[in-house]
N, C-alpha and C. Protein backbone atom coordinates (compact mmCIF):
# COMPACT_ATOMS: atom_id res chain seq x y z
N UNK A 1 44.38 -98.50 7.63
CA UNK A 1 43.61 -99.23 6.70
C UNK A 1 42.91 -100.16 7.60
N UNK A 2 41.52 -100.22 7.74
CA UNK A 2 40.69 -101.25 8.24
C UNK A 2 40.48 -102.35 7.40
N UNK A 3 40.99 -103.49 7.76
CA UNK A 3 40.73 -104.73 7.22
C UNK A 3 39.69 -105.98 8.07
N UNK A 4 38.78 -106.74 7.58
CA UNK A 4 38.36 -107.90 8.27
C UNK A 4 39.23 -108.97 8.54
N UNK A 5 38.92 -109.55 9.72
CA UNK A 5 39.94 -110.86 9.65
C UNK A 5 39.40 -111.97 8.40
N UNK A 6 40.27 -112.97 8.53
CA UNK A 6 39.64 -114.07 7.59
C UNK A 6 38.60 -114.40 7.55
N UNK A 7 37.67 -114.21 8.66
CA UNK A 7 36.27 -114.69 8.64
C UNK A 7 35.47 -113.49 8.40
N UNK A 8 34.46 -113.85 7.50
CA UNK A 8 33.44 -112.88 7.16
C UNK A 8 31.90 -113.22 7.81
N UNK A 9 30.83 -112.55 7.81
CA UNK A 9 29.73 -112.93 8.32
C UNK A 9 28.66 -112.09 7.27
N UNK A 10 27.71 -113.08 7.59
CA UNK A 10 26.30 -112.47 6.76
C UNK A 10 25.01 -112.47 7.98
N UNK A 11 24.75 -111.12 7.62
CA UNK A 11 23.49 -110.99 8.68
C UNK A 11 23.60 -111.73 10.31
N UNK A 12 24.68 -111.86 10.85
CA UNK A 12 25.08 -112.32 12.02
C UNK A 12 25.43 -113.66 12.27
N UNK A 13 26.10 -114.21 11.13
CA UNK A 13 26.21 -115.49 11.03
C UNK A 13 27.80 -115.51 10.55
N UNK A 14 28.68 -116.15 11.09
CA UNK A 14 29.94 -116.30 10.80
C UNK A 14 30.19 -117.11 9.55
N UNK A 15 30.64 -117.00 8.60
CA UNK A 15 31.03 -117.62 7.39
C UNK A 15 32.36 -117.78 7.13
N UNK A 16 32.91 -118.85 7.00
CA UNK A 16 34.32 -119.30 6.48
C UNK A 16 34.42 -118.55 5.08
N UNK A 17 35.74 -117.94 4.84
CA UNK A 17 36.02 -117.47 3.32
C UNK A 17 35.96 -118.49 2.35
N UNK A 18 35.70 -118.01 1.21
CA UNK A 18 35.88 -119.11 0.28
C UNK A 18 37.47 -118.99 -0.28
N UNK A 19 37.45 -120.55 -0.47
CA UNK A 19 39.16 -120.59 -1.12
C UNK A 19 39.28 -119.78 -1.85
N UNK A 20 40.46 -118.90 -1.86
CA UNK A 20 41.09 -117.96 -2.86
C UNK A 20 40.03 -116.56 -2.59
N UNK A 21 39.68 -116.24 -1.65
CA UNK A 21 38.99 -115.05 -1.31
C UNK A 21 40.14 -114.16 -1.22
N UNK A 22 39.96 -112.68 -1.37
CA UNK A 22 40.92 -111.58 -1.59
C UNK A 22 40.21 -110.83 -0.28
N UNK A 23 41.10 -110.26 0.46
CA UNK A 23 40.89 -109.37 1.69
C UNK A 23 40.97 -108.28 0.98
N UNK A 24 39.90 -107.35 1.56
CA UNK A 24 39.93 -106.02 0.96
C UNK A 24 41.12 -104.87 0.87
N UNK A 25 41.16 -104.30 -0.31
CA UNK A 25 42.22 -103.28 -0.17
C UNK A 25 41.98 -101.91 -0.13
N UNK A 26 40.74 -101.65 0.13
CA UNK A 26 40.20 -100.32 0.20
C UNK A 26 39.56 -100.39 1.84
N UNK A 27 39.95 -98.95 1.73
CA UNK A 27 39.13 -99.02 3.16
C UNK A 27 37.53 -98.81 3.47
N UNK A 28 36.97 -99.23 4.31
CA UNK A 28 35.47 -99.51 4.39
C UNK A 28 35.12 -98.26 3.80
N UNK A 29 35.50 -96.88 4.16
CA UNK A 29 34.98 -95.85 3.81
C UNK A 29 34.99 -95.43 2.30
N UNK A 30 36.08 -96.15 1.90
CA UNK A 30 36.19 -95.59 0.53
C UNK A 30 35.14 -96.50 -0.38
N UNK A 31 35.21 -97.51 0.03
CA UNK A 31 33.95 -98.56 -0.49
C UNK A 31 32.74 -97.87 -0.36
N UNK A 32 32.21 -97.44 0.72
CA UNK A 32 31.22 -96.81 1.24
C UNK A 32 30.59 -95.81 0.12
N UNK A 33 31.56 -94.88 0.04
CA UNK A 33 31.64 -93.70 -0.84
C UNK A 33 31.62 -94.13 -2.15
N UNK A 34 32.18 -95.11 -2.99
CA UNK A 34 32.33 -95.40 -4.29
C UNK A 34 30.91 -96.01 -4.85
N UNK A 35 30.36 -96.72 -3.49
CA UNK A 35 28.78 -97.16 -3.92
C UNK A 35 27.69 -96.79 -3.35
N UNK A 36 27.60 -95.32 -2.73
CA UNK A 36 26.61 -94.55 -2.42
C UNK A 36 25.77 -94.45 -3.47
N UNK A 37 26.10 -93.59 -4.25
CA UNK A 37 25.48 -93.35 -5.50
C UNK A 37 24.40 -94.21 -6.47
N UNK A 38 25.40 -95.77 -6.33
CA UNK A 38 24.40 -96.70 -6.96
C UNK A 38 23.35 -96.95 -5.95
N UNK A 39 23.59 -97.36 -4.86
CA UNK A 39 22.57 -97.62 -3.93
C UNK A 39 21.61 -96.35 -3.68
N UNK A 40 21.73 -95.20 -3.59
CA UNK A 40 21.06 -94.65 -3.61
C UNK A 40 20.09 -94.18 -4.56
N UNK A 41 20.45 -94.45 -5.62
CA UNK A 41 19.42 -94.58 -7.01
C UNK A 41 18.53 -95.75 -6.84
N UNK A 42 18.47 -96.59 -5.97
CA UNK A 42 17.59 -97.78 -5.96
C UNK A 42 16.11 -97.15 -5.04
N UNK A 43 14.85 -97.29 -5.62
CA UNK A 43 13.94 -96.59 -4.73
C UNK A 43 13.62 -96.74 -3.35
N UNK A 44 13.74 -96.08 -2.35
CA UNK A 44 13.25 -96.46 -1.06
C UNK A 44 14.89 -96.26 -0.13
N UNK A 45 15.83 -96.02 -0.87
CA UNK A 45 17.31 -95.70 0.01
C UNK A 45 17.19 -94.24 0.36
N UNK A 46 17.68 -94.19 1.66
CA UNK A 46 17.68 -92.75 1.98
C UNK A 46 19.18 -92.12 2.44
N UNK A 47 20.21 -92.95 2.51
CA UNK A 47 21.55 -92.61 2.94
C UNK A 47 22.18 -94.12 3.36
N UNK A 48 23.63 -93.62 3.27
CA UNK A 48 24.24 -94.60 3.89
C UNK A 48 25.59 -94.20 4.85
N UNK A 49 26.02 -95.02 5.50
CA UNK A 49 26.82 -94.62 6.50
C UNK A 49 27.95 -95.71 6.89
N UNK A 50 29.28 -95.75 7.52
CA UNK A 50 29.62 -96.65 8.02
C UNK A 50 29.42 -96.89 9.33
N UNK A 51 29.15 -98.01 9.77
CA UNK A 51 28.80 -98.35 11.19
C UNK A 51 29.36 -99.87 11.92
N UNK A 52 28.45 -100.42 12.66
CA UNK A 52 28.86 -101.59 13.17
C UNK A 52 27.95 -102.43 13.24
N UNK A 53 27.56 -103.85 13.21
CA UNK A 53 26.60 -104.75 13.25
C UNK A 53 27.42 -105.93 14.16
N UNK A 54 26.82 -106.29 15.35
CA UNK A 54 27.06 -107.27 16.11
C UNK A 54 28.76 -106.85 16.56
N UNK A 55 29.50 -105.65 16.65
CA UNK A 55 30.46 -105.30 17.03
C UNK A 55 31.44 -105.74 15.74
N UNK A 56 31.30 -105.62 14.48
CA UNK A 56 32.05 -105.85 13.36
C UNK A 56 31.72 -104.53 12.61
N UNK A 57 32.66 -103.86 11.89
CA UNK A 57 32.60 -102.92 10.97
C UNK A 57 31.73 -103.24 9.70
N UNK A 58 30.83 -102.46 9.33
CA UNK A 58 30.01 -102.70 8.19
C UNK A 58 29.95 -101.60 7.53
N UNK A 59 28.98 -101.45 6.37
CA UNK A 59 28.28 -100.45 5.51
C UNK A 59 27.18 -100.51 5.75
N UNK A 60 26.34 -99.40 6.11
CA UNK A 60 24.77 -99.60 6.65
C UNK A 60 24.31 -98.58 5.25
N UNK A 61 23.18 -99.12 4.69
CA UNK A 61 22.35 -98.60 3.70
C UNK A 61 20.92 -98.27 4.52
N UNK A 62 20.50 -97.32 4.86
CA UNK A 62 19.17 -96.86 5.30
C UNK A 62 18.29 -96.66 4.22
N UNK A 63 16.77 -97.40 4.52
CA UNK A 63 15.87 -97.38 3.51
C UNK A 63 14.64 -96.70 4.42
N UNK A 64 14.07 -95.96 3.38
CA UNK A 64 12.61 -95.63 3.80
C UNK A 64 11.37 -96.57 3.68
N UNK A 65 11.48 -97.59 2.98
CA UNK A 65 10.90 -98.91 3.03
C UNK A 65 11.37 -99.88 2.86
N UNK A 66 10.87 -101.29 3.52
CA UNK A 66 11.39 -102.27 3.47
C UNK A 66 10.96 -103.14 2.63
N UNK A 67 11.27 -103.09 1.44
CA UNK A 67 10.44 -103.75 -0.03
C UNK A 67 11.63 -104.83 -0.61
N UNK A 68 10.65 -105.79 -1.02
CA UNK A 68 11.56 -106.94 -1.84
C UNK A 68 12.85 -106.36 -2.38
N UNK A 69 12.14 -105.06 -3.65
CA UNK A 69 13.13 -104.88 -4.39
C UNK A 69 14.47 -104.28 -3.57
N UNK A 70 14.20 -103.70 -2.55
CA UNK A 70 15.49 -102.89 -2.05
C UNK A 70 16.48 -104.05 -1.43
N UNK A 71 15.72 -105.31 -0.60
CA UNK A 71 16.56 -106.17 -0.32
C UNK A 71 17.05 -107.07 -1.06
N UNK A 72 16.66 -107.00 -2.20
CA UNK A 72 17.38 -107.98 -3.66
C UNK A 72 18.44 -107.15 -4.11
N UNK A 73 18.33 -105.93 -4.11
CA UNK A 73 18.99 -104.86 -5.18
C UNK A 73 20.21 -104.63 -4.16
N UNK A 74 20.43 -104.60 -2.77
CA UNK A 74 21.63 -104.17 -1.98
C UNK A 74 21.85 -105.42 -1.79
N UNK A 75 23.61 -105.80 -2.00
CA UNK A 75 24.28 -106.97 -1.66
C UNK A 75 24.42 -107.13 0.00
N UNK A 76 24.76 -108.42 0.50
CA UNK A 76 24.90 -108.59 1.45
C UNK A 76 26.68 -108.42 1.88
N UNK A 77 27.59 -108.42 0.50
CA UNK A 77 28.95 -108.15 0.79
C UNK A 77 29.05 -107.50 -0.27
N UNK A 78 30.02 -106.22 -0.09
CA UNK A 78 30.72 -105.65 -1.48
C UNK A 78 32.24 -105.10 -0.90
N UNK A 79 33.14 -105.62 -2.08
CA UNK A 79 34.13 -105.65 -1.82
C UNK A 79 35.12 -106.13 -0.48
N UNK A 80 34.34 -107.23 -0.02
CA UNK A 80 34.78 -107.83 1.16
C UNK A 80 34.46 -107.25 2.62
N UNK A 81 33.44 -106.13 2.54
CA UNK A 81 32.92 -105.95 3.53
C UNK A 81 31.34 -106.06 3.70
N UNK A 82 30.63 -106.31 4.85
CA UNK A 82 29.38 -106.60 4.82
C UNK A 82 28.59 -105.36 4.73
N UNK A 83 27.28 -105.65 4.42
CA UNK A 83 26.36 -104.43 4.10
C UNK A 83 25.19 -104.64 4.95
N UNK A 84 24.64 -103.82 5.71
CA UNK A 84 23.39 -104.09 6.38
C UNK A 84 22.31 -102.99 5.91
N UNK A 85 21.05 -103.68 5.61
CA UNK A 85 20.23 -102.66 5.25
C UNK A 85 19.44 -102.36 6.52
N UNK A 86 19.07 -101.01 6.80
CA UNK A 86 18.22 -100.67 7.99
C UNK A 86 17.06 -100.11 7.70
N UNK A 87 16.21 -100.22 8.16
CA UNK A 87 15.07 -99.61 7.48
C UNK A 87 14.57 -98.59 8.55
N UNK A 88 14.54 -97.55 8.10
CA UNK A 88 14.41 -96.26 9.07
C UNK A 88 12.96 -95.15 8.89
N UNK A 89 12.40 -95.50 7.66
CA UNK A 89 11.21 -94.85 7.43
C UNK A 89 11.48 -93.51 6.46
N UNK A 90 10.38 -92.66 6.68
CA UNK A 90 10.70 -91.47 5.35
C UNK A 90 11.73 -90.80 6.23
N UNK A 91 12.48 -89.69 5.68
CA UNK A 91 13.50 -89.15 6.08
C UNK A 91 13.05 -87.66 5.60
N UNK A 92 12.80 -86.34 6.25
CA UNK A 92 12.77 -85.31 5.62
C UNK A 92 13.18 -84.12 6.56
N UNK A 93 13.53 -83.16 5.92
CA UNK A 93 14.08 -82.00 6.51
C UNK A 93 13.10 -81.24 7.54
N UNK A 94 13.59 -80.44 8.87
CA UNK A 94 12.68 -80.15 9.86
C UNK A 94 12.55 -78.97 9.40
N UNK A 95 11.62 -78.08 9.72
CA UNK A 95 10.98 -76.79 9.09
C UNK A 95 12.11 -75.82 10.21
N UNK A 96 12.23 -74.72 9.08
CA UNK A 96 13.27 -73.85 9.88
C UNK A 96 12.23 -73.25 10.96
N UNK A 97 12.88 -72.53 11.97
CA UNK A 97 12.17 -71.85 13.22
C UNK A 97 12.50 -70.40 13.41
């Protein structure tokens, strides 16, 4: 099981844990899978993945648009894991050749 240290971070900044903070009991993959449908319902969201941000594990949410709505609806942390929004533009399937 993958757990973060007792320190967490917010977009590249180390943050001391809040008193009484609980360490994650689910794997980062479980948390990502459980929240993907919720995030994909946000206009502009195009995918999710587990990745790294500055060498630390995180949940990535990929977006086609970089709007204020997207930034407000996707949390910085979920169930003890950092969430990073990555704007990647429109995603479309390639034509069969």
